[in-house]
PDB file of N, CA and C in Angstrom:
ATOM      1  N   MET A   1       0.775  -1.175  -0.073  1.00  0.00           N
ATOM      2  CA  MET A   1       0.006  -0.003   0.113  1.00  0.00           C
ATOM      3  C   MET A   1       0.937   1.504  -0.100  1.00  0.00           C
ATOM      4  N   ALA A   2       0.319   2.179  -0.836  1.00  0.00           N
ATOM      5  CA  ALA A   2       1.190   3.377  -1.105  1.00  0.00           C
ATOM      6  C   ALA A   2       0.856   4.347   0.308  1.00  0.00           C
ATOM      7  N   ALA A   3       2.090   4.789   0.862  1.00  0.00           N
ATOM      8  CA  ALA A   3       1.953   5.800   2.069  1.00  0.00           C
ATOM      9  C   ALA A   3       1.203   7.109   1.593  1.00  0.00           C
ATOM     10  N   PRO A   4       0.355   7.663   2.814  1.00  0.00           N
ATOM     11  CA  PRO A   4      -0.077   8.983   2.486  1.00  0.00           C
ATOM     12  C   PRO A   4       0.776  10.026   1.984  1.00  0.00           C
ATOM     13  N   GLY A   5       0.098  10.468   0.903  1.00  0.00           N
ATOM     14  CA  GLY A   5       0.943  11.545   0.261  1.00  0.00           C
ATOM     15  C   GLY A   5       1.666  11.146  -0.962  1.00  0.00           C
ATOM     16  N   MET A   6       1.750   9.836  -1.244  1.00  0.00           N
ATOM     17  CA  MET A   6       2.585   9.326  -2.145  1.00  0.00           C
ATOM     18  C   MET A   6       1.784   9.230  -3.590  1.00  0.00           C
ATOM     19  N   ALA A   7       2.477   9.568  -4.414  1.00  0.00           N
ATOM     20  CA  ALA A   7       1.717   9.400  -5.909  1.00  0.00           C
ATOM     21  C   ALA A   7       1.954   8.208  -6.611  1.00  0.00           C
ATOM     22  N   ILE A   8       0.908   7.801  -7.070  1.00  0.00           N
ATOM     23  CA  ILE A   8       0.825   6.273  -7.495  1.00  0.00           C
ATOM     24  C   ILE A   8       0.528   6.326  -9.085  1.00  0.00           C
ATOM     25  N   PRO A   9       2.005   5.897  -9.826  1.00  0.00           N
ATOM     26  CA  PRO A   9       2.178   6.276 -11.071  1.00  0.00           C
ATOM     27  C   PRO A   9       0.842   5.432 -12.119  1.00  0.00           C
ATOM     28  N   CYS A  10       0.428   6.737 -13.150  1.00  0.00           N
ATOM     29  CA  CYS A  10      -0.799   6.080 -13.986  1.00  0.00           C
ATOM     30  C   CYS A  10      -0.516   6.603 -15.293  1.00  0.00           C
ATOM     31  N   ILE A  11      -1.347   5.981 -16.222  1.00  0.00           N
ATOM     32  CA  ILE A  11      -1.470   6.439 -17.595  1.00  0.00           C
ATOM     33  C   ILE A  11      -3.103   6.910 -17.610  1.00  0.00           C
ATOM     34  N   SER A  12      -3.302   8.154 -18.009  1.00  0.00           N
ATOM     35  CA  SER A  12      -4.514   8.687 -18.220  1.00  0.00           C
ATOM     36  C   SER A  12      -5.092   8.884 -19.257  1.00  0.00           C
ATOM     37  N   LEU A  13      -6.618   8.452 -19.641  1.00  0.00           N
ATOM     38  CA  LEU A  13      -7.106   8.292 -21.059  1.00  0.00           C
ATOM     39  C   LEU A  13      -8.403   8.983 -20.789  1.00  0.00           C
ATOM     40  N   THR A  14      -8.315  10.059 -21.876  1.00  0.00           N
ATOM     41  CA  THR A  14      -9.527  11.026 -21.546  1.00  0.00           C
ATOM     42  C   THR A  14     -10.057  11.416 -22.896  1.00  0.00           C
ATOM     43  N   ASN A  15     -11.332  11.927 -23.073  1.00  0.00           N
ATOM     44  CA  ASN A  15     -11.991  12.492 -24.119  1.00  0.00           C
ATOM     45  C   ASN A  15     -11.704  11.348 -25.381  1.00  0.00           C
ATOM     46  N   ILE A  16     -12.256  10.148 -25.164  1.00  0.00           N
ATOM     47  CA  ILE A  16     -12.049   9.132 -26.348  1.00  0.00           C
ATOM     48  C   ILE A  16     -13.238   9.382 -27.161  1.00  0.00           C
ATOM     49  N   GLU A  17     -12.895   9.455 -28.378  1.00  0.00           N
ATOM     50  CA  GLU A  17     -14.271   9.963 -29.436  1.00  0.00           C
ATOM     51  C   GLU A  17     -13.758   8.901 -30.500  1.00  0.00           C
ATOM     52  N   VAL A  18     -14.792   8.306 -30.938  1.00  0.00           N
ATOM     53  CA  VAL A  18     -14.873   7.427 -31.995  1.00  0.00           C
ATOM     54  C   VAL A  18     -16.008   7.813 -33.115  1.00  0.00           C
ATOM     55  N   ALA A  19     -15.522   7.791 -34.298  1.00  0.00           N
ATOM     56  CA  ALA A  19     -16.135   8.143 -35.463  1.00  0.00           C
ATOM     57  C   ALA A  19     -17.478   7.043 -35.333  1.00  0.00           C
ATOM     58  N   ALA A  20     -18.727   7.464 -35.911  1.00  0.00           N
ATOM     59  CA  ALA A  20     -20.116   6.544 -35.776  1.00  0.00           C
ATOM     60  C   ALA A  20     -19.753   5.408 -36.690  1.00  0.00           C
ATOM     61  N   THR A  21     -18.884   5.723 -37.760  1.00  0.00           N
ATOM     62  CA  THR A  21     -18.699   4.318 -38.619  1.00  0.00           C
ATOM     63  C   THR A  21     -17.853   3.302 -38.197  1.00  0.00           C
ATOM     64  N   GLU A  22     -17.023   3.703 -37.266  1.00  0.00           N
ATOM     65  CA  GLU A  22     -16.161   2.594 -36.423  1.00  0.00           C
ATOM     66  C   GLU A  22     -16.661   2.037 -35.077  1.00  0.00           C
ATOM     67  N   ARG A  23     -17.560   2.389 -34.735  1.00  0.00           N
ATOM     68  CA  ARG A  23     -18.172   2.155 -33.366  1.00  0.00           C
ATOM     69  C   ARG A  23     -18.443   0.521 -33.505  1.00  0.00           C
ATOM     70  N   ARG A  24     -18.405   0.049 -32.356  1.00  0.00           N
ATOM     71  CA  ARG A  24     -18.836  -1.641 -32.488  1.00  0.00           C
ATOM     72  C   ARG A  24     -18.389  -2.424 -33.204  1.00  0.00           C
ATOM     73  N   ARG A  25     -16.964  -2.259 -33.137  1.00  0.00           N
ATOM     74  CA  ARG A  25     -15.849  -3.228 -34.077  1.00  0.00           C
ATOM     75  C   ARG A  25     -14.756  -3.792 -33.241  1.00  0.00           C
ATOM     76  N   GLY A  26     -14.967  -3.500 -31.729  1.00  0.00           N
ATOM     77  CA  GLY A  26     -13.946  -4.217 -30.959  1.00  0.00           C
ATOM     78  C   GLY A  26     -12.585  -3.178 -30.849  1.00  0.00           C
ATOM     79  N   HIS A  27     -12.608  -2.286 -31.387  1.00  0.00           N
ATOM     80  CA  HIS A  27     -11.354  -1.508 -31.378  1.00  0.00           C
ATOM     81  C   HIS A  27     -10.988  -0.954 -29.670  1.00  0.00           C
ATOM     82  N   ALA A  28     -11.936  -0.497 -29.118  1.00  0.00           N
ATOM     83  CA  ALA A  28     -12.068   0.143 -27.762  1.00  0.00           C
ATOM     84  C   ALA A  28     -11.604  -0.924 -26.991  1.00  0.00           C
ATOM     85  N   ARG A  29     -12.022  -2.281 -27.007  1.00  0.00           N
ATOM     86  CA  ARG A  29     -11.811  -3.348 -26.165  1.00  0.00           C
ATOM     87  C   ARG A  29     -10.298  -3.748 -26.384  1.00  0.00           C
ATOM     88  N   THR A  30     -10.095  -3.635 -27.515  1.00  0.00           N
ATOM     89  CA  THR A  30      -8.408  -4.281 -27.965  1.00  0.00           C
ATOM     90  C   THR A  30      -7.566  -3.302 -27.664  1.00  0.00           C
ATOM     91  N   THR A  31      -7.929  -1.748 -27.740  1.00  0.00           N
ATOM     92  CA  THR A  31      -7.122  -0.599 -27.430  1.00  0.00           C
ATOM     93  C   THR A  31      -7.151  -0.809 -25.876  1.00  0.00           C
ATOM     94  N   LEU A  32      -8.087  -0.753 -25.048  1.00  0.00           N
ATOM     95  CA  LEU A  32      -7.955  -0.947 -23.789  1.00  0.00           C
ATOM     96  C   LEU A  32      -7.111  -1.743 -22.837  1.00  0.00           C
ATOM     97  N   ARG A  33      -7.518  -3.006 -23.461  1.00  0.00           N
ATOM     98  CA  ARG A  33      -6.833  -4.125 -22.942  1.00  0.00           C
ATOM     99  C   ARG A  33      -5.373  -4.021 -22.995  1.00  0.00           C
ATOM    100  N   ALA A  34      -4.891  -3.850 -24.449  1.00  0.00           N
ATOM    101  CA  ALA A  34      -3.628  -3.294 -24.731  1.00  0.00           C
ATOM    102  C   ALA A  34      -2.955  -2.167 -23.775  1.00  0.00           C
ATOM    103  N   LEU A  35      -3.583  -0.989 -23.506  1.00  0.00           N
ATOM    104  CA  LEU A  35      -2.829   0.051 -22.514  1.00  0.00           C
ATOM    105  C   LEU A  35      -3.004  -0.593 -21.114  1.00  0.00           C
ATOM    106  N   THR A  36      -3.947  -1.263 -20.696  1.00  0.00           N
ATOM    107  CA  THR A  36      -4.092  -1.977 -19.385  1.00  0.00           C
ATOM    108  C   THR A  36      -2.570  -2.648 -19.348  1.00  0.00           C
ATOM    109  N   ARG A  37      -2.528  -3.652 -20.179  1.00  0.00           N
ATOM    110  CA  ARG A  37      -1.021  -4.358 -20.470  1.00  0.00           C
ATOM    111  C   ARG A  37       0.213  -3.567 -20.234  1.00  0.00           C
ATOM    112  N   VAL A  38       0.193  -2.678 -20.855  1.00  0.00           N
ATOM    113  CA  VAL A  38       1.379  -1.739 -21.035  1.00  0.00           C
ATOM    114  C   VAL A  38       1.556  -0.950 -19.594  1.00  0.00           C
ATOM    115  N   ALA A  39       0.300  -0.640 -19.063  1.00  0.00           N
ATOM    116  CA  ALA A  39       0.378   0.129 -17.692  1.00  0.00           C
ATOM    117  C   ALA A  39       0.883  -0.815 -16.772  1.00  0.00           C
ATOM    118  N   GLY A  40       0.289  -2.002 -16.784  1.00  0.00           N
ATOM    119  CA  GLY A  40       0.902  -2.952 -15.841  1.00  0.00           C
ATOM    120  C   GLY A  40       2.017  -3.290 -15.792  1.00  0.00           C
ATOM    121  N   ASP A  41       2.468  -3.346 -17.271  1.00  0.00           N
ATOM    122  CA  ASP A  41       4.243  -3.821 -17.495  1.00  0.00           C
ATOM    123  C   ASP A  41       5.069  -2.823 -17.009  1.00  0.00           C
ATOM    124  N   SER A  42       4.746  -1.327 -16.731  1.00  0.00           N
ATOM    125  CA  SER A  42       5.390  -0.452 -16.562  1.00  0.00           C
ATOM    126  C   SER A  42       5.029   0.025 -14.949  1.00  0.00           C
ATOM    127  N   ARG A  43       4.167  -0.999 -14.544  1.00  0.00           N
ATOM    128  CA  ARG A  43       3.725  -0.724 -12.935  1.00  0.00           C
ATOM    129  C   ARG A  43       3.027   0.366 -12.657  1.00  0.00           C
ATOM    130  N   ARG A  44       2.068   0.853 -13.714  1.00  0.00           N
ATOM    131  CA  ARG A  44       1.293   1.957 -13.684  1.00  0.00           C
ATOM    132  C   ARG A  44      -0.353   1.225 -13.444  1.00  0.00           C
ATOM    133  N   LEU A  45      -1.039   2.465 -12.928  1.00  0.00           N
ATOM    134  CA  LEU A  45      -2.620   2.092 -13.206  1.00  0.00           C
ATOM    135  C   LEU A  45      -3.027   2.564 -14.412  1.00  0.00           C
ATOM    136  N   LEU A  46      -3.872   2.250 -15.234  1.00  0.00           N
ATOM    137  CA  LEU A  46      -4.651   3.387 -16.347  1.00  0.00           C
ATOM    138  C   LEU A  46      -6.046   3.800 -15.810  1.00  0.00           C
ATOM    139  N   VAL A  47      -5.927   5.104 -15.922  1.00  0.00           N
ATOM    140  CA  VAL A  47      -7.168   5.711 -15.541  1.00  0.00           C
ATOM    141  C   VAL A  47      -7.779   6.324 -17.013  1.00  0.00           C
ATOM    142  N   VAL A  48      -9.190   5.793 -16.760  1.00  0.00           N
ATOM    143  CA  VAL A  48      -9.863   6.388 -17.961  1.00  0.00           C
ATOM    144  C   VAL A  48     -11.098   7.516 -17.289  1.00  0.00           C
ATOM    145  N   GLU A  49     -10.645   8.579 -17.893  1.00  0.00           N
ATOM    146  CA  GLU A  49     -11.686   9.495 -17.501  1.00  0.00           C
ATOM    147  C   GLU A  49     -12.856   9.862 -18.078  1.00  0.00           C
ATOM    148  N   ASN A  50     -14.046  10.343 -17.420  1.00  0.00           N
ATOM    149  CA  ASN A  50     -15.054  10.909 -18.108  1.00  0.00           C
ATOM    150  C   ASN A  50     -15.630   9.972 -18.893  1.00  0.00           C
ATOM    151  N   VAL A  51     -16.086   8.672 -18.701  1.00  0.00           N
ATOM    152  CA  VAL A  51     -16.894   7.973 -19.478  1.00  0.00           C
ATOM    153  C   VAL A  51     -18.188   8.395 -19.596  1.00  0.00           C
ATOM    154  N   VAL A  52     -18.853   8.125 -20.308  1.00  0.00           N
ATOM    155  CA  VAL A  52     -20.058   8.494 -20.952  1.00  0.00           C
ATOM    156  C   VAL A  52     -20.970   7.460 -21.286  1.00  0.00           C
ATOM    157  N   SER A  53     -20.392   6.801 -22.329  1.00  0.00           N
ATOM    158  CA  SER A  53     -21.118   5.872 -23.262  1.00  0.00           C
ATOM    159  C   SER A  53     -21.477   4.741 -22.259  1.00  0.00           C
ATOM    160  N   LYS A  54     -22.688   4.542 -22.560  1.00  0.00           N
ATOM    161  CA  LYS A  54     -23.034   3.087 -21.715  1.00  0.00           C
ATOM    162  C   LYS A  54     -22.191   1.718 -22.282  1.00  0.00           C
ATOM    163  N   HIS A  55     -21.685   2.067 -23.332  1.00  0.00           N
ATOM    164  CA  HIS A  55     -21.146   0.755 -24.047  1.00  0.00           C
ATOM    165  C   HIS A  55     -19.651   0.717 -23.164  1.00  0.00           C
ATOM    166  N   MET A  56     -18.901   2.030 -23.146  1.00  0.00           N
ATOM    167  CA  MET A  56     -17.941   2.221 -22.462  1.00  0.00           C
ATOM    168  C   MET A  56     -17.913   1.643 -21.048  1.00  0.00           C
ATOM    169  N   HIS A  57     -19.137   2.268 -20.319  1.00  0.00           N
ATOM    170  CA  HIS A  57     -19.128   1.688 -18.889  1.00  0.00           C
ATOM    171  C   HIS A  57     -19.499   0.319 -18.791  1.00  0.00           C
ATOM    172  N   VAL A  58     -19.846  -0.591 -19.605  1.00  0.00           N
ATOM    173  CA  VAL A  58     -20.151  -2.087 -19.523  1.00  0.00           C
ATOM    174  C   VAL A  58     -18.678  -2.403 -19.957  1.00  0.00           C
ATOM    175  N   LEU A  59     -17.994  -1.996 -20.485  1.00  0.00           N
ATOM    176  CA  LEU A  59     -16.440  -2.367 -20.944  1.00  0.00           C
ATOM    177  C   LEU A  59     -15.424  -2.086 -19.884  1.00  0.00           C
ATOM    178  N   MET A  60     -15.591  -0.967 -19.262  1.00  0.00           N
ATOM    179  CA  MET A  60     -14.759  -0.937 -17.990  1.00  0.00           C
ATOM    180  C   MET A  60     -15.023  -2.075 -16.947  1.00  0.00           C
ATOM    181  N   GLY A  61     -16.654  -2.355 -16.726  1.00  0.00           N
ATOM    182  CA  GLY A  61     -16.775  -3.524 -15.910  1.00  0.00           C
ATOM    183  C   GLY A  61     -16.043  -4.992 -16.287  1.00  0.00           C
ATOM    184  N   GLU A  62     -15.855  -5.308 -17.503  1.00  0.00           N
ATOM    185  CA  GLU A  62     -15.798  -6.233 -18.081  1.00  0.00           C
ATOM    186  C   GLU A  62     -14.178  -6.414 -17.855  1.00  0.00           C
ATOM    187  N   LEU A  63     -13.459  -5.112 -17.752  1.00  0.00           N
ATOM    188  CA  LEU A  63     -11.923  -5.041 -17.844  1.00  0.00           C
ATOM    189  C   LEU A  63     -11.692  -4.910 -16.102  1.00  0.00           C
ATOM    190  N   GLY A  64     -12.354  -5.093 -15.369  1.00  0.00           N
ATOM    191  CA  GLY A  64     -12.274  -4.674 -14.119  1.00  0.00           C
ATOM    192  C   GLY A  64     -11.844  -3.465 -13.420  1.00  0.00           C
ATOM    193  N   GLY A  65     -12.343  -2.595 -14.199  1.00  0.00           N
ATOM    194  CA  GLY A  65     -12.300  -1.093 -14.033  1.00  0.00           C
ATOM    195  C   GLY A  65     -12.980  -0.666 -12.583  1.00  0.00           C
ATOM    196  N   GLN A  66     -12.579  -0.072 -11.778  1.00  0.00           N
ATOM    197  CA  GLN A  66     -13.258   0.346 -10.639  1.00  0.00           C
ATOM    198  C   GLN A  66     -13.136   1.889 -10.711  1.00  0.00           C
ATOM    199  N   PRO A  67     -14.392   2.188 -10.019  1.00  0.00           N
ATOM    200  CA  PRO A  67     -14.630   3.925 -10.000  1.00  0.00           C
ATOM    201  C   PRO A  67     -13.678   4.414  -9.098  1.00  0.00           C
ATOM    202  N   LEU A  68     -13.196   5.538  -9.322  1.00  0.00           N
ATOM    203  CA  LEU A  68     -12.297   6.342  -8.434  1.00  0.00           C
ATOM    204  C   LEU A  68     -13.420   7.011  -7.310  1.00  0.00           C
ATOM    205  N   PRO A  69     -12.454   7.136  -6.129  1.00  0.00           N
ATOM    206  CA  PRO A  69     -13.604   7.544  -5.025  1.00  0.00           C
ATOM    207  C   PRO A  69     -14.194   8.778  -5.722  1.00  0.00           C
ATOM    208  N   GLY A  70     -15.634   8.709  -5.164  1.00  0.00           N
ATOM    209  CA  GLY A  70     -16.455   9.905  -5.540  1.00  0.00           C
ATOM    210  C   GLY A  70     -17.138  10.012  -6.751  1.00  0.00           C
ATOM    211  N   ASN A  71     -17.034   8.576  -7.413  1.00  0.00           N
ATOM    212  CA  ASN A  71     -17.404   8.436  -8.753  1.00  0.00           C
ATOM    213  C   ASN A  71     -18.566   7.278  -8.315  1.00  0.00           C
ATOM    214  N   ARG A  72     -19.584   7.172  -9.447  1.00  0.00           N
ATOM    215  CA  ARG A  72     -20.498   5.965  -9.329  1.00  0.00           C
ATOM    216  C   ARG A  72     -20.471   5.145 -10.836  1.00  0.00           C
ATOM    217  N   PRO A  73     -20.123   3.868 -10.884  1.00  0.00           N
ATOM    218  CA  PRO A  73     -20.174   3.264 -11.898  1.00  0.00           C
ATOM    219  C   PRO A  73     -21.308   3.564 -12.630  1.00  0.00           C
ATOM    220  N   GLY A  74     -21.339   3.504 -14.096  1.00  0.00           N
ATOM    221  CA  GLY A  74     -22.398   4.052 -14.668  1.00  0.00           C
ATOM    222  C   GLY A  74     -22.783   5.103 -14.996  1.00  0.00           C
ATOM    223  N   ALA A  75     -22.387   6.252 -13.884  1.00  0.00           N
ATOM    224  CA  ALA A  75     -22.806   7.745 -13.982  1.00  0.00           C
ATOM    225  C   ALA A  75     -22.013   8.035 -15.450  1.00  0.00           C
ATOM    226  N   SER A  76     -22.705   9.481 -15.794  1.00  0.00           N
ATOM    227  CA  SER A  76     -22.020   9.910 -16.843  1.00  0.00           C
ATOM    228  C   SER A  76     -21.314  10.692 -16.173  1.00  0.00           C
ATOM    229  N   GLY A  77     -19.840  10.664 -16.734  1.00  0.00           N
ATOM    230  CA  GLY A  77     -18.478  11.151 -16.583  1.00  0.00           C
ATOM    231  C   GLY A  77     -18.100  10.554 -15.287  1.00  0.00           C
ATOM    232  N   CYS A  78     -18.125   9.263 -15.210  1.00  0.00           N
ATOM    233  CA  CYS A  78     -17.204   8.472 -14.171  1.00  0.00           C
ATOM    234  C   CYS A  78     -16.131   8.324 -14.416  1.00  0.00           C
ATOM    235  N   ASN A  79     -15.059   8.431 -13.718  1.00  0.00           N
ATOM    236  CA  ASN A  79     -13.661   7.828 -13.982  1.00  0.00           C
ATOM    237  C   ASN A  79     -13.213   6.686 -13.168  1.00  0.00           C
ATOM    238  N   TYR A  80     -12.667   5.753 -14.131  1.00  0.00           N
ATOM    239  CA  TYR A  80     -12.272   4.433 -13.580  1.00  0.00           C
ATOM    240  C   TYR A  80     -10.854   4.270 -13.851  1.00  0.00           C
ATOM    241  N   TRP A  81     -10.399   3.345 -12.741  1.00  0.00           N
ATOM    242  CA  TRP A  81      -8.990   3.039 -12.727  1.00  0.00           C
ATOM    243  C   TRP A  81      -9.207   1.386 -13.080  1.00  0.00           C
ATOM    244  N   VAL A  82      -8.172   0.936 -13.872  1.00  0.00           N
ATOM    245  CA  VAL A  82      -7.833  -0.364 -14.004  1.00  0.00           C
ATOM    246  C   VAL A  82      -6.381  -0.700 -13.975  1.00  0.00           C
ATOM    247  N   GLY A  83      -6.136  -1.908 -13.264  1.00  0.00           N
ATOM    248  CA  GLY A  83      -4.755  -2.150 -13.264  1.00  0.00           C
ATOM    249  C   GLY A  83      -4.546  -3.778 -12.963  1.00  0.00           C
ATOM    250  N   PRO A  84      -3.304  -4.235 -13.202  1.00  0.00           N
ATOM    251  CA  PRO A  84      -3.049  -5.479 -12.863  1.00  0.00           C
ATOM    252  C   PRO A  84      -3.312  -5.925 -11.367  1.00  0.00           C
ATOM    253  N   PRO A  85      -3.521  -7.484 -11.207  1.00  0.00           N
ATOM    254  CA  PRO A  85      -3.643  -7.771 -10.125  1.00  0.00           C
ATOM    255  C   PRO A  85      -2.800  -7.314  -8.771  1.00  0.00           C
ATOM    256  N   PHE A  86      -1.434  -7.134  -9.279  1.00  0.00           N
ATOM    257  CA  PHE A  86      -0.783  -6.774  -7.732  1.00  0.00           C
ATOM    258  C   PHE A  86      -0.914  -5.324  -7.674  1.00  0.00           C
ATOM    259  N   ALA A  87      -1.828  -4.448  -8.540  1.00  0.00           N
ATOM    260  CA  ALA A  87      -2.128  -3.554  -8.255  1.00  0.00           C
ATOM    261  C   ALA A  87      -3.093  -3.263  -7.405  1.00  0.00           C
ATOM    262  N   ARG A  88      -4.376  -4.146  -7.498  1.00  0.00           N
ATOM    263  CA  ARG A  88      -5.478  -4.431  -6.768  1.00  0.00           C
ATOM    264  C   ARG A  88      -5.102  -4.730  -5.317  1.00  0.00           C
ATOM    265  N   LYS A  89      -4.227  -5.435  -4.874  1.00  0.00           N
ATOM    266  CA  LYS A  89      -3.631  -5.937  -3.775  1.00  0.00           C
ATOM    267  C   LYS A  89      -2.845  -4.925  -2.904  1.00  0.00           C
ATOM    268  N   GLY A  90      -2.251  -3.842  -3.774  1.00  0.00           N
ATOM    269  CA  GLY A  90      -1.285  -3.231  -3.355  1.00  0.00           C
ATOM    270  C   GLY A  90      -1.805  -1.768  -2.704  1.00  0.00           C
ATOM    271  N   TRP A  91      -2.631  -1.451  -3.508  1.00  0.00           N
ATOM    272  CA  TRP A  91      -3.122   0.185  -3.537  1.00  0.00           C
ATOM    273  C   TRP A  91      -4.543   0.000  -2.983  1.00  0.00           C
ATOM    274  N   GLN A  92      -5.059   0.751  -2.454  1.00  0.00           N
ATOM    275  CA  GLN A  92      -6.529   0.978  -1.770  1.00  0.00           C
ATOM    276  C   GLN A  92      -7.130   2.341  -2.681  1.00  0.00           C
ATOM    277  N   PRO A  93      -8.390   1.892  -2.760  1.00  0.00           N
ATOM    278  CA  PRO A  93      -9.047   2.819  -3.833  1.00  0.00           C
ATOM    279  C   PRO A  93      -8.963   4.209  -3.199  1.00  0.00           C
ATOM    280  N   HIS A  94      -9.019   4.501  -1.848  1.00  0.00           N
ATOM    281  CA  HIS A  94      -8.660   5.878  -1.387  1.00  0.00           C
ATOM    282  C   HIS A  94      -7.726   6.507  -1.483  1.00  0.00           C
ATOM    283  N   GLU A  95      -6.578   5.837  -1.898  1.00  0.00           N
ATOM    284  CA  GLU A  95      -5.373   6.400  -2.137  1.00  0.00           C
ATOM    285  C   GLU A  95      -5.251   7.041  -3.400  1.00  0.00           C
ATOM    286  N   LEU A  96      -6.189   6.773  -4.443  1.00  0.00           N
ATOM    287  CA  LEU A  96      -6.206   6.936  -5.773  1.00  0.00           C
ATOM    288  C   LEU A  96      -6.841   8.267  -6.083  1.00  0.00           C
ATOM    289  N   ALA A  97      -6.385   9.423  -6.495  1.00  0.00           N
ATOM    290  CA  ALA A  97      -6.842  10.620  -6.986  1.00  0.00           C
ATOM    291  C   ALA A  97      -6.631  11.216  -8.525  1.00  0.00           C
ATOM    292  N   VAL A  98      -7.287  11.938  -9.246  1.00  0.00           N
ATOM    293  CA  VAL A  98      -7.095  12.326 -10.499  1.00  0.00           C
ATOM    294  C   VAL A  98      -6.724  13.505 -10.424  1.00  0.00           C
TER     295      VAL A  98
END
């Protein structure tokens, strides 16, 4: 667990926009899985900010995304964090902030 006041390294992703013709092709799932893997390999968390799409909320749940403190899963604008198993065991949600 990180000590109070210490930073937890992360990769932040925000303002995801996809052209209507490219939606529902699995690109978001593939990209988020790859980014989660890269973040984990570099011992960072992936933070996905300002999720508004119902599809992205479902995807975040499938990927094990957890809402940051003060956020409600499924709510428009929710911020999630996703991390590898070691991160979930070592860091507590109250230690994370955007």
